[in-house]
Structure formats: C-alpha cells, structure tokens
Amino acid sequence: MGNMTNLIQDVKPRVIVSAYVEAPFDIALKTFKKNNYRLISLEENARLRMQEGKDAYCSKNGNWVKEDFIYVKGKGVYLSKNFPICENPEQATACHKNIQEFYLTNEQVEKSLEDSILLSRNANDFEILTSDFKNNKITNYAFGEHAEDYGKFLKEAEIKNMPILFISFRDKPFARKAWFGSLDSRSSFVSCGDFEDGGEGLNLNFRSRGVKN
C-alpha cells in the first residue's frame, strides 16, 4: 500500500462577508440593498470581529447596527430587535437633520417592546464585565449564543468591561440607533450623544456596516 498523504486545510472559508458605507443612514441602507447587503446586527458584528481579529478595521472602528435604543420616560431604556428606525430610515434621518428626536407612536412603542430587554430604568450609564457575558441577560440578548465567546475575545484583547451609554429622556417616547463602539480600551454600545452636546446624528456621514452570509 502506498504512502498516505495528509491534506491540511489551513485556510477556512469566511462565514461572514461584510462591507461598510460612510453616509447618512437612509442613504447607507439604500446602498446596502442595491448591493445585496443588509444592516448588521450586534450579534453578527461580534461574530465578525471574532472572525477578523482585534486589529481588523471592523474591530478598530465602530458603526451603526440594527438594534435600537427605545426611550420611554417613566419606564426605562430598552434595547429592541424590532427596528422602528430601520422601518422609517428617511423619516428618522430627517428628524436628526432638523435636530429633533425620532419620536414614536404608541403602536411603534408597543411593537418595539415586544422583542426587547430593559437596559436601565433611569438612563444612567453602566458597565458589564467581559468575564460575565455568559451570565448577563443583556449580553445574552445582544450577542445570542456568541455572548460568552465575545466576552472571552474582549478579555483577550485586554478589555475588562463593556460600557453602555445613554442620553436623557424626553417627554415623549423616542428611538435612537445603537452604535457599536470600537475596540480601543473598551468596547461600548451607545445611543449617540445629546444633540445639544454636539452628539452624532443619523444625518451625518457616519459608518454603517452591512453583511451578507
């Protein structure tokens, strides 16, 4: 019998294909659709960063993701996977251009909270230890079955905690698009700054990341 030759697969196929656009949010979504991409979710973004490594462009630079922050005065701030901003991108972008919040109807609030998790009742910033991602309800909701692995990935990148940052409540419920922060000394996801403090809006040329499998 002849000698056996081992086949060693040293390069694996990429699971996630991704691209980004630096444009107002409504334009970015149109560009993605035209090129058969869709806006990336927090879970997919975490997987992409683990796939590409901590020094990759997608890890060192933040971007808008699918999820929305839902602010309801008297109840709290929620992270939602029902996306009122993605369903109304032109309207939401126009609101920010006019330095106004994207306010929600009662029906939009109800739909948004159907698939959501409470982040904070008082909109106070807080941090989640990366060593606790496996057991934390918020990281499990945001990152799904990859929560524990993403926590380990951040920990290996010497990031000990993930801040979650908020703005103040308004008199009426409103939505803010979630921004998935870069891997510098931390990895945050935030609802961008208050307009009066010069905060970022959907109308500006910030980065949106698209994905296709």
N, C-alpha and C. Protein backbone atom coordinates (compact mmCIF):
# COMPACT_ATOMS: atom_id res chain seq x y z
N MET A 1 0.85 -1.19 0.00
CA MET A 1 0.00 0.00 0.00
C MET A 1 0.88 1.25 0.00
N GLY A 2 0.59 2.27 -0.84
CA GLY A 2 1.42 3.45 -0.96
C GLY A 2 1.34 4.34 0.27
N ASN A 3 2.26 5.27 0.31
CA ASN A 3 2.29 6.21 1.42
C ASN A 3 1.04 7.10 1.40
N MET A 4 0.51 7.36 2.59
CA MET A 4 -0.64 8.25 2.73
C MET A 4 -0.17 9.70 2.73
N THR A 5 -0.91 10.55 2.05
CA THR A 5 -0.59 11.98 2.03
C THR A 5 -1.70 12.73 2.74
N ASN A 6 -1.32 13.47 3.75
CA ASN A 6 -2.31 14.23 4.54
C ASN A 6 -2.69 15.53 3.83
N LEU A 7 -3.98 15.79 3.79
CA LEU A 7 -4.48 17.05 3.27
C LEU A 7 -4.78 17.96 4.45
N ILE A 8 -4.13 19.09 4.50
CA ILE A 8 -4.28 20.01 5.62
C ILE A 8 -4.93 21.29 5.13
N GLN A 9 -6.13 21.56 5.60
CA GLN A 9 -6.82 22.79 5.24
C GLN A 9 -6.39 23.88 6.21
N ASP A 10 -5.54 24.78 5.72
CA ASP A 10 -5.00 25.82 6.59
C ASP A 10 -5.73 27.16 6.44
N VAL A 11 -6.59 27.28 5.44
CA VAL A 11 -7.37 28.49 5.25
C VAL A 11 -8.85 28.10 5.20
N LYS A 12 -9.60 28.60 6.13
CA LYS A 12 -11.01 28.26 6.21
C LYS A 12 -11.85 29.31 5.47
N PRO A 13 -12.99 28.90 4.92
CA PRO A 13 -13.87 29.87 4.25
C PRO A 13 -14.45 30.85 5.26
N ARG A 14 -14.62 32.10 4.83
CA ARG A 14 -15.19 33.11 5.71
C ARG A 14 -16.69 32.88 5.86
N VAL A 15 -17.16 32.97 7.10
CA VAL A 15 -18.58 32.77 7.38
C VAL A 15 -19.36 34.04 7.04
N ILE A 16 -18.79 35.19 7.40
CA ILE A 16 -19.48 36.46 7.23
C ILE A 16 -18.75 37.33 6.22
N VAL A 17 -19.47 37.85 5.26
CA VAL A 17 -18.95 38.83 4.31
C VAL A 17 -19.54 40.18 4.69
N SER A 18 -18.71 41.21 4.78
CA SER A 18 -19.19 42.50 5.28
C SER A 18 -18.58 43.65 4.50
N ALA A 19 -19.31 44.76 4.47
CA ALA A 19 -18.86 46.00 3.85
C ALA A 19 -19.45 47.16 4.63
N TYR A 20 -18.86 48.34 4.48
CA TYR A 20 -19.40 49.49 5.20
C TYR A 20 -19.60 50.66 4.27
N VAL A 21 -20.43 51.59 4.72
CA VAL A 21 -20.74 52.82 3.98
C VAL A 21 -20.63 53.97 4.96
N GLU A 22 -19.99 55.06 4.54
CA GLU A 22 -19.96 56.28 5.34
C GLU A 22 -20.86 57.30 4.66
N ALA A 23 -22.08 57.41 5.17
CA ALA A 23 -23.11 58.25 4.55
C ALA A 23 -24.24 58.44 5.55
N PRO A 24 -25.15 59.39 5.31
CA PRO A 24 -26.36 59.45 6.13
C PRO A 24 -27.06 58.10 6.14
N PHE A 25 -27.72 57.80 7.25
CA PHE A 25 -28.22 56.45 7.48
C PHE A 25 -29.17 55.97 6.39
N ASP A 26 -30.08 56.82 5.94
CA ASP A 26 -31.04 56.38 4.92
C ASP A 26 -30.35 56.06 3.59
N ILE A 27 -29.31 56.82 3.26
CA ILE A 27 -28.53 56.55 2.04
C ILE A 27 -27.76 55.25 2.17
N ALA A 28 -27.22 55.01 3.36
CA ALA A 28 -26.47 53.77 3.60
C ALA A 28 -27.35 52.54 3.39
N LEU A 29 -28.58 52.57 3.92
CA LEU A 29 -29.48 51.43 3.75
C LEU A 29 -29.81 51.20 2.28
N LYS A 30 -30.01 52.26 1.51
CA LYS A 30 -30.28 52.12 0.09
C LYS A 30 -29.09 51.52 -0.64
N THR A 31 -27.89 51.92 -0.25
CA THR A 31 -26.67 51.38 -0.86
C THR A 31 -26.51 49.90 -0.56
N PHE A 32 -26.80 49.51 0.69
CA PHE A 32 -26.72 48.10 1.05
C PHE A 32 -27.70 47.27 0.22
N LYS A 33 -28.93 47.74 0.14
CA LYS A 33 -29.96 46.99 -0.60
C LYS A 33 -29.58 46.83 -2.06
N LYS A 34 -29.04 47.87 -2.66
CA LYS A 34 -28.64 47.84 -4.07
C LYS A 34 -27.55 46.80 -4.31
N ASN A 35 -26.73 46.55 -3.30
CA ASN A 35 -25.59 45.63 -3.43
C ASN A 35 -25.81 44.31 -2.69
N ASN A 36 -27.07 44.02 -2.36
CA ASN A 36 -27.44 42.75 -1.72
C ASN A 36 -26.84 42.56 -0.33
N TYR A 37 -26.69 43.67 0.39
CA TYR A 37 -26.30 43.61 1.79
C TYR A 37 -27.49 44.03 2.65
N ARG A 38 -27.38 43.78 3.95
CA ARG A 38 -28.35 44.26 4.92
C ARG A 38 -27.58 44.77 6.13
N LEU A 39 -28.21 45.63 6.90
CA LEU A 39 -27.54 46.20 8.07
C LEU A 39 -27.20 45.10 9.07
N ILE A 40 -26.02 45.17 9.62
CA ILE A 40 -25.52 44.13 10.52
C ILE A 40 -26.17 44.27 11.91
N SER A 41 -26.33 43.15 12.59
CA SER A 41 -26.85 43.15 13.96
C SER A 41 -25.68 43.12 14.95
N LEU A 42 -25.96 43.38 16.23
CA LEU A 42 -24.92 43.29 17.25
C LEU A 42 -24.29 41.90 17.29
N GLU A 43 -25.13 40.88 17.21
CA GLU A 43 -24.62 39.51 17.25
C GLU A 43 -23.71 39.23 16.07
N GLU A 44 -24.13 39.62 14.87
CA GLU A 44 -23.32 39.41 13.68
C GLU A 44 -22.04 40.23 13.74
N ASN A 45 -22.13 41.44 14.29
CA ASN A 45 -20.94 42.29 14.40
C ASN A 45 -19.92 41.70 15.34
N ALA A 46 -20.40 41.12 16.44
CA ALA A 46 -19.49 40.45 17.38
C ALA A 46 -18.82 39.25 16.71
N ARG A 47 -19.59 38.47 15.96
CA ARG A 47 -19.03 37.32 15.24
C ARG A 47 -17.99 37.77 14.21
N LEU A 48 -18.30 38.86 13.53
CA LEU A 48 -17.37 39.38 12.52
C LEU A 48 -16.05 39.78 13.15
N ARG A 49 -16.11 40.46 14.28
CA ARG A 49 -14.89 40.87 14.96
C ARG A 49 -14.07 39.67 15.42
N MET A 50 -14.74 38.65 15.91
CA MET A 50 -14.01 37.44 16.31
C MET A 50 -13.41 36.75 15.09
N GLN A 51 -14.13 36.78 13.99
CA GLN A 51 -13.65 36.17 12.74
C GLN A 51 -12.41 36.89 12.21
N GLU A 52 -12.44 38.21 12.24
CA GLU A 52 -11.37 39.00 11.62
C GLU A 52 -10.23 39.35 12.58
N GLY A 53 -10.49 39.34 13.88
CA GLY A 53 -9.44 39.64 14.85
C GLY A 53 -9.52 41.06 15.40
N LYS A 54 -8.88 41.26 16.55
CA LYS A 54 -9.00 42.53 17.26
C LYS A 54 -8.35 43.70 16.54
N ASP A 55 -7.42 43.43 15.61
CA ASP A 55 -6.73 44.51 14.91
C ASP A 55 -7.34 44.82 13.55
N ALA A 56 -8.41 44.12 13.19
CA ALA A 56 -9.06 44.35 11.89
C ALA A 56 -9.79 45.69 11.91
N TYR A 57 -10.05 46.23 10.73
CA TYR A 57 -10.74 47.51 10.60
C TYR A 57 -12.10 47.49 11.27
N CYS A 58 -12.83 46.37 11.12
CA CYS A 58 -14.18 46.27 11.69
C CYS A 58 -14.15 46.23 13.21
N SER A 59 -13.01 45.88 13.80
CA SER A 59 -12.88 45.87 15.25
C SER A 59 -12.40 47.21 15.79
N LYS A 60 -11.55 47.87 15.02
CA LYS A 60 -10.95 49.13 15.48
C LYS A 60 -11.82 50.34 15.16
N ASN A 61 -12.92 50.11 14.46
CA ASN A 61 -13.82 51.20 14.10
C ASN A 61 -15.27 50.81 14.39
N GLY A 62 -16.02 51.72 15.00
CA GLY A 62 -17.41 51.45 15.33
C GLY A 62 -18.35 51.70 14.16
N ASN A 63 -19.62 51.35 14.35
CA ASN A 63 -20.61 51.53 13.28
C ASN A 63 -22.02 51.38 13.84
N TRP A 64 -23.00 51.88 13.05
CA TRP A 64 -24.41 51.66 13.36
C TRP A 64 -24.74 50.18 13.17
N VAL A 65 -25.65 49.68 14.01
CA VAL A 65 -26.13 48.30 13.90
C VAL A 65 -27.66 48.31 13.85
N LYS A 66 -28.25 47.14 13.68
CA LYS A 66 -29.70 47.03 13.54
C LYS A 66 -30.48 47.51 14.76
N GLU A 67 -30.00 47.12 15.93
CA GLU A 67 -30.77 47.33 17.15
C GLU A 67 -31.01 48.81 17.45
N ASP A 68 -32.13 49.08 18.09
CA ASP A 68 -32.48 50.44 18.50
C ASP A 68 -32.57 50.54 20.02
N PHE A 69 -32.22 51.71 20.55
CA PHE A 69 -32.50 52.06 21.93
C PHE A 69 -33.88 52.72 21.96
N ILE A 70 -34.75 52.23 22.81
CA ILE A 70 -36.10 52.78 22.93
C ILE A 70 -36.21 53.47 24.29
N TYR A 71 -36.44 54.77 24.25
CA TYR A 71 -36.53 55.58 25.48
C TYR A 71 -38.01 55.85 25.80
N VAL A 72 -38.45 55.41 26.95
CA VAL A 72 -39.83 55.64 27.39
C VAL A 72 -39.78 56.21 28.80
N LYS A 73 -40.03 57.49 28.90
CA LYS A 73 -39.96 58.16 30.20
C LYS A 73 -40.94 57.52 31.18
N GLY A 74 -40.46 57.24 32.37
CA GLY A 74 -41.28 56.62 33.39
C GLY A 74 -41.18 55.11 33.39
N LYS A 75 -40.62 54.53 32.32
CA LYS A 75 -40.46 53.07 32.24
C LYS A 75 -38.99 52.68 32.14
N GLY A 76 -38.24 53.33 31.24
CA GLY A 76 -36.84 53.00 31.11
C GLY A 76 -36.34 53.04 29.68
N VAL A 77 -35.11 52.58 29.51
CA VAL A 77 -34.47 52.48 28.19
C VAL A 77 -34.34 51.00 27.85
N TYR A 78 -34.76 50.64 26.63
CA TYR A 78 -34.77 49.25 26.20
C TYR A 78 -33.90 49.10 24.96
N LEU A 79 -33.31 47.93 24.81
CA LEU A 79 -32.66 47.55 23.55
C LEU A 79 -33.64 46.67 22.81
N SER A 80 -33.95 47.04 21.56
CA SER A 80 -35.00 46.35 20.82
C SER A 80 -34.49 45.75 19.52
N LYS A 81 -35.00 44.56 19.20
CA LYS A 81 -34.73 43.91 17.91
C LYS A 81 -35.89 44.06 16.94
N ASN A 82 -36.90 44.83 17.34
CA ASN A 82 -37.88 45.35 16.38
C ASN A 82 -37.44 46.78 16.09
N PHE A 83 -37.21 47.08 14.84
CA PHE A 83 -36.37 48.22 14.49
C PHE A 83 -37.18 49.38 13.89
N PRO A 84 -37.76 50.28 14.69
CA PRO A 84 -38.56 51.37 14.11
C PRO A 84 -37.74 52.30 13.23
N ILE A 85 -36.45 52.48 13.53
CA ILE A 85 -35.63 53.37 12.69
C ILE A 85 -35.36 52.74 11.34
N CYS A 86 -35.06 51.45 11.31
CA CYS A 86 -34.82 50.76 10.03
C CYS A 86 -36.09 50.71 9.19
N GLU A 87 -37.24 50.70 9.83
CA GLU A 87 -38.51 50.69 9.10
C GLU A 87 -38.87 52.08 8.57
N ASN A 88 -38.23 53.12 9.14
CA ASN A 88 -38.52 54.50 8.73
C ASN A 88 -37.22 55.30 8.61
N PRO A 89 -36.28 54.83 7.78
CA PRO A 89 -34.96 55.47 7.75
C PRO A 89 -34.95 56.91 7.28
N GLU A 90 -35.77 57.22 6.25
CA GLU A 90 -35.80 58.59 5.75
C GLU A 90 -36.35 59.54 6.81
N GLN A 91 -37.43 59.12 7.47
CA GLN A 91 -38.05 59.96 8.49
C GLN A 91 -37.10 60.17 9.67
N ALA A 92 -36.46 59.10 10.13
CA ALA A 92 -35.55 59.20 11.27
C ALA A 92 -34.34 60.07 10.94
N THR A 93 -33.78 59.90 9.74
CA THR A 93 -32.63 60.71 9.33
C THR A 93 -33.01 62.18 9.21
N ALA A 94 -34.21 62.45 8.68
CA ALA A 94 -34.69 63.83 8.55
C ALA A 94 -34.88 64.47 9.92
N CYS A 95 -35.38 63.70 10.89
CA CYS A 95 -35.56 64.22 12.24
C CYS A 95 -34.21 64.68 12.82
N HIS A 96 -33.18 63.88 12.66
CA HIS A 96 -31.87 64.22 13.20
C HIS A 96 -31.27 65.41 12.46
N LYS A 97 -31.54 65.51 11.17
CA LYS A 97 -31.07 66.66 10.39
C LYS A 97 -31.66 67.95 10.94
N ASN A 98 -32.88 67.86 11.42
CA ASN A 98 -33.57 69.02 12.00
C ASN A 98 -33.36 69.15 13.50
N ILE A 99 -32.39 68.37 14.01
CA ILE A 99 -32.04 68.35 15.44
C ILE A 99 -33.26 68.03 16.29
N GLN A 100 -33.97 66.99 15.86
CA GLN A 100 -35.15 66.51 16.58
C GLN A 100 -35.02 65.01 16.79
N GLU A 101 -35.65 64.52 17.84
CA GLU A 101 -35.69 63.09 18.07
C GLU A 101 -36.66 62.43 17.10
N PHE A 102 -36.45 61.14 16.87
CA PHE A 102 -37.40 60.34 16.11
C PHE A 102 -38.42 59.79 17.11
N TYR A 103 -39.50 60.56 17.30
CA TYR A 103 -40.50 60.18 18.29
C TYR A 103 -41.37 59.04 17.77
N LEU A 104 -41.85 58.23 18.69
CA LEU A 104 -42.59 57.02 18.35
C LEU A 104 -44.07 57.16 18.70
N THR A 105 -44.90 56.54 17.89
CA THR A 105 -46.32 56.45 18.21
C THR A 105 -46.51 55.37 19.28
N ASN A 106 -47.69 55.32 19.87
CA ASN A 106 -47.97 54.27 20.86
C ASN A 106 -47.84 52.89 20.25
N GLU A 107 -48.26 52.75 18.98
CA GLU A 107 -48.17 51.47 18.30
C GLU A 107 -46.72 51.07 18.07
N GLN A 108 -45.88 52.03 17.71
CA GLN A 108 -44.46 51.74 17.50
C GLN A 108 -43.77 51.35 18.80
N VAL A 109 -44.14 52.03 19.88
CA VAL A 109 -43.57 51.67 21.18
C VAL A 109 -43.94 50.25 21.55
N GLU A 110 -45.22 49.93 21.41
CA GLU A 110 -45.71 48.58 21.76
C GLU A 110 -44.99 47.51 20.94
N LYS A 111 -44.86 47.75 19.64
CA LYS A 111 -44.18 46.78 18.77
C LYS A 111 -42.71 46.66 19.13
N SER A 112 -42.06 47.78 19.42
CA SER A 112 -40.64 47.77 19.74
C SER A 112 -40.35 46.99 21.01
N LEU A 113 -41.25 47.10 21.99
CA LEU A 113 -41.02 46.44 23.28
C LEU A 113 -41.38 44.96 23.27
N GLU A 114 -42.01 44.50 22.18
CA GLU A 114 -42.36 43.07 22.08
C GLU A 114 -41.11 42.19 22.06
N ASP A 115 -40.05 42.68 21.42
CA ASP A 115 -38.79 41.95 21.38
C ASP A 115 -37.70 42.89 21.86
N SER A 116 -37.55 42.98 23.18
CA SER A 116 -36.62 43.95 23.76
C SER A 116 -36.16 43.47 25.13
N ILE A 117 -35.17 44.18 25.66
CA ILE A 117 -34.72 43.93 27.02
C ILE A 117 -34.49 45.27 27.70
N LEU A 118 -34.88 45.37 28.96
CA LEU A 118 -34.68 46.60 29.72
C LEU A 118 -33.19 46.77 30.02
N LEU A 119 -32.65 47.92 29.64
CA LEU A 119 -31.26 48.23 29.93
C LEU A 119 -31.11 49.01 31.22
N SER A 120 -31.95 50.05 31.38
CA SER A 120 -31.85 50.91 32.55
C SER A 120 -33.18 51.62 32.78
N ARG A 121 -33.58 51.74 34.02
CA ARG A 121 -34.83 52.47 34.32
C ARG A 121 -34.60 53.98 34.40
N ASN A 122 -33.36 54.39 34.65
CA ASN A 122 -33.10 55.81 34.87
C ASN A 122 -32.10 56.40 33.87
N ALA A 123 -31.71 55.65 32.86
CA ALA A 123 -30.78 56.12 31.83
C ALA A 123 -29.42 56.50 32.39
N ASN A 124 -29.00 55.82 33.46
CA ASN A 124 -27.65 56.01 33.99
C ASN A 124 -26.69 55.04 33.32
N ASP A 125 -25.55 55.55 32.87
CA ASP A 125 -24.55 54.70 32.23
C ASP A 125 -24.08 53.60 33.19
N PHE A 126 -23.72 52.45 32.63
CA PHE A 126 -23.16 51.38 33.45
C PHE A 126 -22.25 50.51 32.60
N GLU A 127 -21.57 49.58 33.22
CA GLU A 127 -20.64 48.70 32.53
C GLU A 127 -20.94 47.24 32.85
N ILE A 128 -20.64 46.37 31.90
CA ILE A 128 -20.77 44.92 32.10
C ILE A 128 -19.38 44.31 31.99
N LEU A 129 -19.00 43.55 32.98
CA LEU A 129 -17.69 42.89 32.94
C LEU A 129 -17.65 41.87 31.80
N THR A 130 -16.58 41.87 31.03
CA THR A 130 -16.47 40.91 29.93
C THR A 130 -16.40 39.47 30.45
N SER A 131 -15.96 39.31 31.68
CA SER A 131 -15.91 37.97 32.27
C SER A 131 -17.29 37.46 32.65
N ASP A 132 -18.31 38.35 32.59
CA ASP A 132 -19.66 37.98 33.00
C ASP A 132 -20.63 37.90 31.83
N PHE A 133 -20.12 37.98 30.59
CA PHE A 133 -21.01 37.97 29.42
C PHE A 133 -21.88 36.72 29.36
N LYS A 134 -21.34 35.58 29.77
CA LYS A 134 -22.08 34.32 29.70
C LYS A 134 -23.33 34.36 30.57
N ASN A 135 -23.27 35.05 31.70
CA ASN A 135 -24.36 35.02 32.67
C ASN A 135 -25.24 36.26 32.65
N ASN A 136 -24.87 37.26 31.86
CA ASN A 136 -25.60 38.52 31.87
C ASN A 136 -26.75 38.50 30.87
N LYS A 137 -27.94 38.91 31.31
CA LYS A 137 -29.12 38.87 30.44
C LYS A 137 -28.98 39.80 29.24
N ILE A 138 -28.36 40.95 29.45
CA ILE A 138 -28.24 41.93 28.37
C ILE A 138 -27.30 41.43 27.28
N THR A 139 -26.13 40.91 27.66
CA THR A 139 -25.19 40.42 26.65
C THR A 139 -25.73 39.17 25.96
N ASN A 140 -26.48 38.37 26.66
CA ASN A 140 -27.10 37.21 26.02
C ASN A 140 -28.15 37.63 25.00
N TYR A 141 -28.88 38.69 25.31
CA TYR A 141 -29.87 39.21 24.37
C TYR A 141 -29.17 39.84 23.16
N ALA A 142 -28.13 40.61 23.42
CA ALA A 142 -27.44 41.33 22.34
C ALA A 142 -26.65 40.40 21.43
N PHE A 143 -25.92 39.46 22.01
CA PHE A 143 -24.97 38.65 21.26
C PHE A 143 -25.38 37.19 21.09
N GLY A 144 -26.52 36.83 21.65
CA GLY A 144 -27.04 35.48 21.46
C GLY A 144 -26.09 34.41 21.97
N GLU A 145 -26.00 33.33 21.21
CA GLU A 145 -25.18 32.19 21.63
C GLU A 145 -23.68 32.50 21.59
N HIS A 146 -23.31 33.66 21.05
CA HIS A 146 -21.90 34.04 20.97
C HIS A 146 -21.48 34.96 22.11
N ALA A 147 -22.36 35.20 23.08
CA ALA A 147 -22.07 36.13 24.17
C ALA A 147 -20.82 35.72 24.94
N GLU A 148 -20.74 34.48 25.35
CA GLU A 148 -19.59 34.03 26.14
C GLU A 148 -18.30 34.16 25.34
N ASP A 149 -18.33 33.73 24.09
CA ASP A 149 -17.13 33.79 23.25
C ASP A 149 -16.69 35.22 22.99
N TYR A 150 -17.67 36.12 22.81
CA TYR A 150 -17.30 37.52 22.57
C TYR A 150 -16.71 38.13 23.84
N GLY A 151 -17.23 37.75 24.98
CA GLY A 151 -16.63 38.21 26.24
C GLY A 151 -15.19 37.76 26.37
N LYS A 152 -14.92 36.51 26.00
CA LYS A 152 -13.55 36.00 26.05
C LYS A 152 -12.65 36.73 25.05
N PHE A 153 -13.21 37.01 23.87
CA PHE A 153 -12.47 37.74 22.84
C PHE A 153 -12.06 39.12 23.35
N LEU A 154 -12.99 39.83 24.00
CA LEU A 154 -12.68 41.14 24.54
C LEU A 154 -11.66 41.05 25.67
N LYS A 155 -11.83 40.03 26.49
CA LYS A 155 -10.91 39.85 27.61
C LYS A 155 -9.49 39.59 27.11
N GLU A 156 -9.37 38.79 26.05
CA GLU A 156 -8.06 38.53 25.46
C GLU A 156 -7.46 39.77 24.83
N ALA A 157 -8.33 40.71 24.44
CA ALA A 157 -7.87 42.00 23.91
C ALA A 157 -7.62 42.99 25.03
N GLU A 158 -7.62 42.51 26.27
CA GLU A 158 -7.36 43.30 27.47
C GLU A 158 -8.44 44.36 27.71
N ILE A 159 -9.67 44.02 27.32
CA ILE A 159 -10.82 44.88 27.59
C ILE A 159 -11.62 44.22 28.72
N LYS A 160 -11.69 44.89 29.84
CA LYS A 160 -12.26 44.29 31.03
C LYS A 160 -13.76 44.53 31.17
N ASN A 161 -14.28 45.55 30.51
CA ASN A 161 -15.70 45.85 30.66
C ASN A 161 -16.24 46.48 29.38
N MET A 162 -17.56 46.40 29.23
CA MET A 162 -18.25 47.00 28.10
C MET A 162 -19.23 48.04 28.62
N PRO A 163 -18.95 49.32 28.42
CA PRO A 163 -19.89 50.36 28.87
C PRO A 163 -21.13 50.41 27.98
N ILE A 164 -22.25 50.73 28.58
CA ILE A 164 -23.49 51.04 27.85
C ILE A 164 -23.86 52.46 28.23
N LEU A 165 -23.94 53.33 27.23
CA LEU A 165 -24.07 54.76 27.47
C LEU A 165 -25.40 55.28 26.94
N PHE A 166 -26.01 56.20 27.69
CA PHE A 166 -27.34 56.69 27.37
C PHE A 166 -27.35 58.21 27.23
N ILE A 167 -28.48 58.73 26.71
CA ILE A 167 -28.76 60.15 26.76
C ILE A 167 -29.94 60.34 27.71
N SER A 168 -30.44 61.56 27.84
CA SER A 168 -31.54 61.83 28.76
C SER A 168 -32.89 61.53 28.12
N PHE A 169 -33.89 61.31 28.96
CA PHE A 169 -35.25 61.08 28.49
C PHE A 169 -35.84 62.37 27.91
N ARG A 170 -36.84 62.18 27.07
CA ARG A 170 -37.66 63.30 26.60
C ARG A 170 -39.08 63.08 27.14
N ASP A 171 -39.95 64.03 26.92
CA ASP A 171 -41.32 63.89 27.42
C ASP A 171 -42.09 62.81 26.67
N LYS A 172 -41.72 62.55 25.42
CA LYS A 172 -42.38 61.53 24.61
C LYS A 172 -41.40 60.41 24.28
N PRO A 173 -41.89 59.17 24.05
CA PRO A 173 -41.02 58.06 23.69
C PRO A 173 -40.32 58.32 22.35
N PHE A 174 -39.07 57.89 22.26
CA PHE A 174 -38.32 58.05 21.02
C PHE A 174 -37.31 56.92 20.87
N ALA A 175 -36.77 56.79 19.66
CA ALA A 175 -35.80 55.74 19.37
C ALA A 175 -34.48 56.36 18.95
N ARG A 176 -33.40 55.72 19.34
CA ARG A 176 -32.07 56.07 18.87
C ARG A 176 -31.41 54.81 18.32
N LYS A 177 -30.71 54.95 17.21
CA LYS A 177 -29.99 53.83 16.63
C LYS A 177 -28.79 53.47 17.51
N ALA A 178 -28.54 52.19 17.71
CA ALA A 178 -27.40 51.75 18.51
C ALA A 178 -26.11 51.84 17.72
N TRP A 179 -25.09 52.36 18.36
CA TRP A 179 -23.74 52.45 17.79
C TRP A 179 -22.85 51.44 18.51
N PHE A 180 -22.22 50.55 17.76
CA PHE A 180 -21.34 49.52 18.33
C PHE A 180 -19.93 50.07 18.33
N GLY A 181 -19.44 50.43 19.52
CA GLY A 181 -18.16 51.14 19.64
C GLY A 181 -16.96 50.30 19.28
N SER A 182 -15.87 51.00 19.01
CA SER A 182 -14.62 50.36 18.59
C SER A 182 -13.92 49.69 19.76
N LEU A 183 -13.00 48.82 19.44
CA LEU A 183 -12.18 48.16 20.45
C LEU A 183 -10.94 49.01 20.69
N ASP A 184 -11.09 50.02 21.57
CA ASP A 184 -9.91 50.76 21.99
C ASP A 184 -9.54 50.23 23.37
N SER A 185 -9.75 51.00 24.38
CA SER A 185 -9.53 50.49 25.74
C SER A 185 -10.79 49.83 26.28
N ARG A 186 -11.87 49.90 25.48
CA ARG A 186 -13.14 49.32 25.89
C ARG A 186 -13.94 49.02 24.63
N SER A 187 -15.09 48.42 24.78
CA SER A 187 -15.98 48.16 23.64
C SER A 187 -17.40 48.46 24.10
N SER A 188 -17.94 49.58 23.66
CA SER A 188 -19.23 50.01 24.16
C SER A 188 -20.30 49.89 23.08
N PHE A 189 -21.55 49.88 23.50
CA PHE A 189 -22.59 50.23 22.54
C PHE A 189 -23.46 51.31 23.17
N VAL A 190 -23.73 52.32 22.35
CA VAL A 190 -24.30 53.56 22.86
C VAL A 190 -25.42 54.03 21.95
N SER A 191 -26.18 55.01 22.43
CA SER A 191 -27.26 55.56 21.61
C SER A 191 -26.92 56.96 21.12
N CYS A 192 -25.65 57.23 20.93
CA CYS A 192 -25.07 58.50 20.46
C CYS A 192 -25.43 59.66 21.37
N GLY A 193 -24.68 60.75 21.25
CA GLY A 193 -24.77 61.83 22.22
C GLY A 193 -25.97 62.73 22.05
N ASP A 194 -26.24 63.53 23.09
CA ASP A 194 -27.31 64.53 23.01
C ASP A 194 -26.98 65.55 21.94
N PHE A 195 -27.98 65.97 21.18
CA PHE A 195 -27.77 66.96 20.13
C PHE A 195 -27.18 68.25 20.70
N GLU A 196 -27.66 68.65 21.87
CA GLU A 196 -27.19 69.90 22.46
C GLU A 196 -25.73 69.82 22.89
N ASP A 197 -25.21 68.60 23.01
CA ASP A 197 -23.80 68.42 23.34
C ASP A 197 -22.96 68.12 22.10
N GLY A 198 -23.55 68.34 20.92
CA GLY A 198 -22.82 68.07 19.69
C GLY A 198 -22.81 66.59 19.32
N GLY A 199 -23.78 65.86 19.80
CA GLY A 199 -23.81 64.42 19.57
C GLY A 199 -24.07 64.05 18.12
N GLU A 200 -23.70 62.83 17.78
CA GLU A 200 -23.82 62.34 16.42
C GLU A 200 -25.27 62.05 16.07
N GLY A 201 -25.62 62.30 14.82
CA GLY A 201 -26.96 62.01 14.33
C GLY A 201 -26.91 61.14 13.10
N LEU A 202 -28.06 60.56 12.76
CA LEU A 202 -28.15 59.69 11.59
C LEU A 202 -27.92 60.44 10.28
N ASN A 203 -28.06 61.75 10.31
CA ASN A 203 -27.91 62.55 9.10
C ASN A 203 -26.46 62.79 8.71
N LEU A 204 -25.53 62.46 9.56
CA LEU A 204 -24.11 62.70 9.30
C LEU A 204 -23.47 61.50 8.61
N ASN A 205 -22.27 61.71 8.06
CA ASN A 205 -21.59 60.66 7.30
C ASN A 205 -20.84 59.69 8.22
N PHE A 206 -21.61 59.03 9.08
CA PHE A 206 -21.01 58.03 9.95
C PHE A 206 -21.14 56.64 9.34
N ARG A 207 -20.41 55.73 9.91
CA ARG A 207 -20.25 54.41 9.32
C ARG A 207 -21.43 53.48 9.65
N SER A 208 -22.02 52.91 8.62
CA SER A 208 -22.98 51.82 8.76
C SER A 208 -22.32 50.58 8.19
N ARG A 209 -22.51 49.45 8.85
CA ARG A 209 -21.89 48.21 8.35
C ARG A 209 -22.96 47.25 7.87
N GLY A 210 -22.72 46.71 6.67
CA GLY A 210 -23.62 45.74 6.07
C GLY A 210 -23.03 44.36 6.11
N VAL A 211 -23.88 43.35 5.90
CA VAL A 211 -23.43 41.97 5.99
C VAL A 211 -24.23 41.12 5.01
N LYS A 212 -23.59 40.08 4.50
CA LYS A 212 -24.30 39.03 3.80
C LYS A 212 -23.56 37.73 4.06
N ASN A 213 -24.29 36.65 4.21
CA ASN A 213 -23.70 35.36 4.52
C ASN A 213 -23.26 34.64 3.25
